[in-house]
């Protein structure tokens, strides 16, 4: 059974940092592109950052570019999101997603972790 388990969320002051982790099991992790998404109250879920299977290609949304860094460790089946210079507008539930774009597309989501940026 596939599981994506996020951790590392919490309450942080503006300007602070958090590191999110997403540990995957039940899938051949290195075959999956990984991404982080977030959903704030009353808003649609949005893509924050994505990383290809080997980490060769990375993309960020304009709203987090220069502040967030996505990375992965295929040996540990884990993807990370380092978040620096956090702003109140970064407050949201953060989800990781595993995507396989082979013959049969597959996608799996984690349960989400809350990030709150507030003084």
N, C-alpha and C. Protein backbone atom coordinates (compact mmCIF):
# COMPACT_ATOMS: atom_id res chain seq x y z
N UNK A 1 0.85 -1.17 0.00
CA UNK A 1 0.00 0.00 0.00
C UNK A 1 0.88 1.23 0.00
N UNK A 2 0.48 2.20 -0.80
CA UNK A 2 1.28 3.40 -0.97
C UNK A 2 1.02 4.37 0.18
N UNK A 3 2.09 4.89 0.73
CA UNK A 3 1.95 5.92 1.77
C UNK A 3 2.93 7.04 1.51
N UNK A 4 2.44 8.27 1.61
CA UNK A 4 3.27 9.46 1.60
C UNK A 4 2.99 10.18 2.91
N UNK A 5 4.00 10.32 3.73
CA UNK A 5 3.81 10.89 5.06
C UNK A 5 4.63 12.16 5.20
N UNK A 6 3.92 13.30 5.28
CA UNK A 6 4.58 14.59 5.44
C UNK A 6 4.84 14.86 6.92
N UNK A 7 5.88 15.60 7.19
CA UNK A 7 6.19 16.04 8.54
C UNK A 7 6.98 17.34 8.47
N UNK A 8 7.09 18.01 9.63
CA UNK A 8 7.90 19.22 9.69
C UNK A 8 7.12 20.51 9.72
N UNK A 9 5.81 20.44 9.58
CA UNK A 9 5.01 21.65 9.64
C UNK A 9 4.93 22.19 11.06
N UNK A 10 4.33 23.37 11.17
CA UNK A 10 4.18 23.97 12.49
C UNK A 10 3.94 25.46 12.41
N UNK A 11 4.09 26.11 13.56
CA UNK A 11 3.91 27.55 13.68
C UNK A 11 5.28 28.22 13.67
N UNK A 12 5.44 29.23 12.83
CA UNK A 12 6.71 29.94 12.74
C UNK A 12 6.44 31.42 12.55
N UNK A 13 7.33 32.25 13.04
CA UNK A 13 7.19 33.70 12.88
C UNK A 13 7.58 34.12 11.47
N UNK A 14 7.05 35.23 11.01
CA UNK A 14 7.49 35.76 9.70
C UNK A 14 9.00 35.92 9.65
N UNK A 15 9.57 35.53 8.53
CA UNK A 15 11.01 35.56 8.39
C UNK A 15 11.70 34.29 8.81
N UNK A 16 10.97 33.40 9.44
CA UNK A 16 11.55 32.15 9.92
C UNK A 16 11.64 31.09 8.84
N UNK A 17 12.08 29.90 9.26
CA UNK A 17 12.30 28.78 8.34
C UNK A 17 11.67 27.51 8.88
N UNK A 18 11.30 26.67 7.95
CA UNK A 18 10.83 25.32 8.26
C UNK A 18 11.35 24.39 7.17
N UNK A 19 11.52 23.12 7.54
CA UNK A 19 11.88 22.11 6.57
C UNK A 19 10.84 21.00 6.61
N UNK A 20 10.14 20.83 5.50
CA UNK A 20 9.16 19.76 5.39
C UNK A 20 9.82 18.52 4.80
N UNK A 21 9.36 17.36 5.25
CA UNK A 21 9.80 16.09 4.71
C UNK A 21 8.59 15.28 4.27
N UNK A 22 8.77 14.47 3.26
CA UNK A 22 7.72 13.57 2.80
C UNK A 22 8.37 12.22 2.54
N UNK A 23 8.06 11.26 3.39
CA UNK A 23 8.62 9.91 3.26
C UNK A 23 7.64 9.01 2.53
N UNK A 24 8.12 8.38 1.48
CA UNK A 24 7.28 7.52 0.65
C UNK A 24 7.56 6.06 0.92
N UNK A 25 6.52 5.25 0.81
CA UNK A 25 6.67 3.80 0.90
C UNK A 25 5.64 3.16 -0.02
N UNK A 26 5.95 1.94 -0.47
CA UNK A 26 5.01 1.23 -1.34
C UNK A 26 5.13 1.55 -2.81
N UNK A 27 6.08 2.42 -3.18
CA UNK A 27 6.32 2.76 -4.58
C UNK A 27 7.82 2.73 -4.84
N UNK A 28 8.21 2.47 -6.11
CA UNK A 28 9.64 2.61 -6.47
C UNK A 28 9.95 4.09 -6.59
N UNK A 29 10.37 4.67 -5.50
CA UNK A 29 10.45 6.14 -5.36
C UNK A 29 11.22 6.79 -6.50
N UNK A 30 12.31 6.21 -6.91
CA UNK A 30 13.15 6.85 -7.93
C UNK A 30 12.49 6.89 -9.29
N UNK A 31 11.37 6.21 -9.46
CA UNK A 31 10.63 6.26 -10.72
C UNK A 31 9.59 7.37 -10.76
N UNK A 32 9.44 8.07 -9.64
CA UNK A 32 8.37 9.05 -9.52
C UNK A 32 8.93 10.46 -9.44
N UNK A 33 8.34 11.36 -10.22
CA UNK A 33 8.56 12.78 -10.00
C UNK A 33 7.82 13.17 -8.72
N UNK A 34 8.38 14.13 -8.00
CA UNK A 34 7.77 14.54 -6.74
C UNK A 34 7.47 16.04 -6.77
N UNK A 35 6.46 16.42 -6.05
CA UNK A 35 6.11 17.84 -6.00
C UNK A 35 5.48 18.18 -4.66
N UNK A 36 5.56 19.44 -4.32
CA UNK A 36 4.90 19.99 -3.14
C UNK A 36 3.80 20.95 -3.63
N UNK A 37 2.66 20.85 -2.98
CA UNK A 37 1.52 21.71 -3.27
C UNK A 37 1.04 22.29 -1.95
N UNK A 38 0.26 23.34 -2.03
CA UNK A 38 -0.31 23.89 -0.80
C UNK A 38 -1.73 24.39 -1.06
N UNK A 39 -2.50 24.41 0.01
CA UNK A 39 -3.87 24.90 -0.08
C UNK A 39 -4.18 25.74 1.14
N UNK A 40 -4.44 27.01 0.90
CA UNK A 40 -4.83 27.92 1.97
C UNK A 40 -6.35 27.90 2.09
N UNK A 41 -6.87 28.29 3.25
CA UNK A 41 -8.32 28.29 3.45
C UNK A 41 -9.03 29.13 2.38
N UNK A 42 -10.05 28.55 1.77
CA UNK A 42 -10.82 29.26 0.77
C UNK A 42 -10.17 29.40 -0.58
N UNK A 43 -9.01 28.76 -0.75
CA UNK A 43 -8.30 28.86 -2.02
C UNK A 43 -8.09 27.47 -2.63
N UNK A 44 -7.80 27.46 -3.92
CA UNK A 44 -7.52 26.20 -4.60
C UNK A 44 -6.11 25.72 -4.26
N UNK A 45 -5.93 24.42 -4.38
CA UNK A 45 -4.60 23.87 -4.17
C UNK A 45 -3.68 24.33 -5.30
N UNK A 46 -2.46 24.73 -4.95
CA UNK A 46 -1.53 25.23 -5.96
C UNK A 46 -0.19 24.50 -5.88
N UNK A 47 0.46 24.41 -7.02
CA UNK A 47 1.79 23.80 -7.08
C UNK A 47 2.81 24.78 -6.52
N UNK A 48 3.67 24.28 -5.65
CA UNK A 48 4.72 25.11 -5.05
C UNK A 48 6.06 24.82 -5.71
N UNK A 49 6.40 23.53 -5.82
CA UNK A 49 7.69 23.15 -6.38
C UNK A 49 7.63 21.71 -6.88
N UNK A 50 8.43 21.41 -7.89
CA UNK A 50 8.47 20.05 -8.41
C UNK A 50 9.91 19.67 -8.73
N UNK A 51 10.16 18.36 -8.70
CA UNK A 51 11.50 17.85 -8.96
C UNK A 51 11.36 16.54 -9.73
N UNK A 52 12.18 16.38 -10.76
CA UNK A 52 12.11 15.16 -11.56
C UNK A 52 12.74 13.98 -10.83
N UNK A 53 12.67 12.82 -11.45
CA UNK A 53 13.07 11.58 -10.78
C UNK A 53 14.51 11.61 -10.28
N UNK A 54 15.39 12.18 -11.08
CA UNK A 54 16.81 12.23 -10.70
C UNK A 54 17.18 13.54 -10.04
N UNK A 55 16.26 14.48 -10.01
CA UNK A 55 16.58 15.80 -9.47
C UNK A 55 17.21 16.73 -10.48
N UNK A 56 17.24 16.30 -11.74
CA UNK A 56 17.92 17.10 -12.76
C UNK A 56 17.14 18.37 -13.10
N UNK A 57 15.84 18.33 -12.97
CA UNK A 57 15.02 19.49 -13.31
C UNK A 57 14.12 19.83 -12.14
N UNK A 58 14.12 21.11 -11.82
CA UNK A 58 13.36 21.63 -10.68
C UNK A 58 12.61 22.88 -11.12
N UNK A 59 11.40 23.01 -10.63
CA UNK A 59 10.60 24.21 -10.91
C UNK A 59 9.96 24.72 -9.64
N UNK A 60 9.79 26.04 -9.60
CA UNK A 60 9.15 26.69 -8.46
C UNK A 60 8.06 27.64 -8.95
N UNK A 61 7.05 27.83 -8.13
CA UNK A 61 6.09 28.87 -8.42
C UNK A 61 6.77 30.22 -8.18
N UNK A 62 6.28 31.23 -8.85
CA UNK A 62 6.89 32.56 -8.71
C UNK A 62 6.81 33.06 -7.27
N UNK A 63 5.78 32.64 -6.55
CA UNK A 63 5.57 33.15 -5.21
C UNK A 63 6.60 32.63 -4.20
N UNK A 64 7.29 31.53 -4.52
CA UNK A 64 8.26 30.98 -3.57
C UNK A 64 9.68 30.96 -4.12
N UNK A 65 9.84 31.32 -5.38
CA UNK A 65 11.17 31.26 -6.00
C UNK A 65 12.16 32.12 -5.23
N UNK A 66 13.31 31.55 -4.94
CA UNK A 66 14.33 32.26 -4.20
C UNK A 66 14.22 32.10 -2.69
N UNK A 67 13.11 31.54 -2.21
CA UNK A 67 12.92 31.35 -0.77
C UNK A 67 12.81 29.87 -0.40
N UNK A 68 12.24 29.08 -1.29
CA UNK A 68 12.03 27.64 -1.01
C UNK A 68 12.99 26.82 -1.88
N UNK A 69 13.38 25.67 -1.34
CA UNK A 69 14.24 24.75 -2.08
C UNK A 69 13.69 23.34 -1.93
N UNK A 70 13.44 22.69 -3.08
CA UNK A 70 12.99 21.30 -3.08
C UNK A 70 14.20 20.42 -3.35
N UNK A 71 14.24 19.27 -2.69
CA UNK A 71 15.32 18.31 -2.92
C UNK A 71 14.78 16.92 -2.63
N UNK A 72 15.52 15.92 -3.04
CA UNK A 72 15.10 14.55 -2.79
C UNK A 72 16.30 13.67 -2.50
N UNK A 73 16.05 12.62 -1.75
CA UNK A 73 17.06 11.60 -1.46
C UNK A 73 16.43 10.26 -1.84
N UNK A 74 16.80 9.77 -3.00
CA UNK A 74 16.18 8.53 -3.49
C UNK A 74 16.54 7.33 -2.63
N UNK A 75 17.70 7.37 -2.00
CA UNK A 75 18.10 6.27 -1.12
C UNK A 75 17.19 6.18 0.11
N UNK A 76 16.64 7.32 0.51
CA UNK A 76 15.75 7.38 1.68
C UNK A 76 14.28 7.48 1.29
N UNK A 77 14.01 7.50 -0.02
CA UNK A 77 12.62 7.64 -0.51
C UNK A 77 11.93 8.85 0.12
N UNK A 78 12.64 9.95 0.16
CA UNK A 78 12.14 11.15 0.83
C UNK A 78 12.37 12.38 -0.03
N UNK A 79 11.39 13.25 -0.03
CA UNK A 79 11.51 14.56 -0.68
C UNK A 79 11.38 15.63 0.40
N UNK A 80 12.10 16.72 0.21
CA UNK A 80 12.16 17.78 1.21
C UNK A 80 11.73 19.11 0.60
N UNK A 81 11.27 19.99 1.47
CA UNK A 81 11.01 21.37 1.05
C UNK A 81 11.57 22.28 2.15
N UNK A 82 12.68 22.91 1.84
CA UNK A 82 13.26 23.89 2.76
C UNK A 82 12.61 25.23 2.49
N UNK A 83 12.01 25.81 3.50
CA UNK A 83 11.28 27.06 3.35
C UNK A 83 11.94 28.13 4.22
N UNK A 84 12.46 29.15 3.58
CA UNK A 84 13.11 30.25 4.28
C UNK A 84 12.35 31.55 4.04
N UNK A 85 12.63 32.53 4.86
CA UNK A 85 11.99 33.85 4.72
C UNK A 85 10.49 33.72 4.60
N UNK A 86 9.92 32.96 5.49
CA UNK A 86 8.48 32.66 5.41
C UNK A 86 7.65 33.92 5.64
N UNK A 87 6.53 33.97 4.94
CA UNK A 87 5.61 35.10 5.00
C UNK A 87 4.23 34.60 5.47
N UNK A 88 3.42 35.48 6.02
CA UNK A 88 2.08 35.05 6.43
C UNK A 88 1.28 34.42 5.28
N UNK A 89 1.51 34.89 4.08
CA UNK A 89 0.78 34.33 2.93
C UNK A 89 1.24 32.93 2.55
N UNK A 90 2.28 32.43 3.19
CA UNK A 90 2.70 31.04 2.99
C UNK A 90 1.88 30.08 3.86
N UNK A 91 1.06 30.62 4.72
CA UNK A 91 0.23 29.79 5.59
C UNK A 91 -0.72 28.93 4.75
N UNK A 92 -0.67 27.62 4.97
CA UNK A 92 -1.46 26.68 4.19
C UNK A 92 -1.20 25.27 4.70
N UNK A 93 -2.00 24.34 4.20
CA UNK A 93 -1.68 22.93 4.36
C UNK A 93 -0.81 22.53 3.16
N UNK A 94 0.32 21.93 3.46
CA UNK A 94 1.26 21.54 2.42
C UNK A 94 1.17 20.03 2.18
N UNK A 95 1.07 19.68 0.90
CA UNK A 95 0.92 18.28 0.50
C UNK A 95 2.07 17.88 -0.42
N UNK A 96 2.52 16.65 -0.29
CA UNK A 96 3.45 16.14 -1.29
C UNK A 96 2.69 15.20 -2.23
N UNK A 97 3.20 15.10 -3.43
CA UNK A 97 2.57 14.29 -4.47
C UNK A 97 3.64 13.53 -5.22
N UNK A 98 3.35 12.26 -5.47
CA UNK A 98 4.22 11.42 -6.28
C UNK A 98 3.53 11.15 -7.60
N UNK A 99 4.22 11.37 -8.71
CA UNK A 99 3.62 11.23 -10.03
C UNK A 99 4.47 10.32 -10.90
N UNK A 100 3.78 9.37 -11.54
CA UNK A 100 4.45 8.46 -12.48
C UNK A 100 3.84 8.68 -13.85
N UNK A 101 4.69 9.02 -14.81
CA UNK A 101 4.19 9.33 -16.16
C UNK A 101 4.61 8.29 -17.17
N UNK A 102 4.60 7.03 -16.75
CA UNK A 102 4.93 5.97 -17.68
C UNK A 102 3.72 5.57 -18.50
N UNK A 103 3.63 4.32 -18.83
CA UNK A 103 2.52 3.83 -19.66
C UNK A 103 1.17 4.13 -19.02
N UNK A 104 1.07 3.92 -17.74
CA UNK A 104 -0.17 4.21 -17.00
C UNK A 104 0.13 5.27 -15.95
N UNK A 105 -0.48 6.44 -16.15
CA UNK A 105 -0.23 7.54 -15.23
C UNK A 105 -0.74 7.18 -13.85
N UNK A 106 0.07 7.47 -12.82
CA UNK A 106 -0.33 7.25 -11.45
C UNK A 106 0.05 8.47 -10.63
N UNK A 107 -0.74 8.77 -9.64
CA UNK A 107 -0.43 9.88 -8.75
C UNK A 107 -0.93 9.55 -7.36
N UNK A 108 -0.11 9.90 -6.39
CA UNK A 108 -0.45 9.66 -4.99
C UNK A 108 -0.19 10.93 -4.19
N UNK A 109 -1.06 11.15 -3.20
CA UNK A 109 -0.95 12.35 -2.36
C UNK A 109 -0.72 11.95 -0.90
N UNK A 110 -0.01 12.80 -0.19
CA UNK A 110 0.10 12.67 1.25
C UNK A 110 -1.10 13.28 1.93
N UNK A 111 -1.12 13.20 3.25
CA UNK A 111 -2.28 13.67 4.02
C UNK A 111 -2.18 15.16 4.33
N UNK A 112 -1.00 15.73 4.14
CA UNK A 112 -0.83 17.16 4.37
C UNK A 112 -0.26 17.49 5.74
N UNK A 113 0.44 18.61 5.80
CA UNK A 113 0.96 19.12 7.07
C UNK A 113 0.72 20.62 7.11
N UNK A 114 0.26 21.10 8.26
CA UNK A 114 -0.10 22.52 8.39
C UNK A 114 1.13 23.37 8.63
N UNK A 115 1.24 24.44 7.88
CA UNK A 115 2.26 25.46 8.09
C UNK A 115 1.54 26.77 8.37
N UNK A 116 1.84 27.37 9.52
CA UNK A 116 1.24 28.64 9.90
C UNK A 116 2.35 29.65 10.17
N UNK A 117 2.30 30.76 9.45
CA UNK A 117 3.29 31.82 9.62
C UNK A 117 2.59 33.01 10.25
N UNK A 118 2.93 33.27 11.49
CA UNK A 118 2.24 34.32 12.23
C UNK A 118 3.10 34.78 13.40
N UNK A 119 2.95 36.07 13.72
CA UNK A 119 3.65 36.60 14.88
C UNK A 119 2.76 36.54 16.11
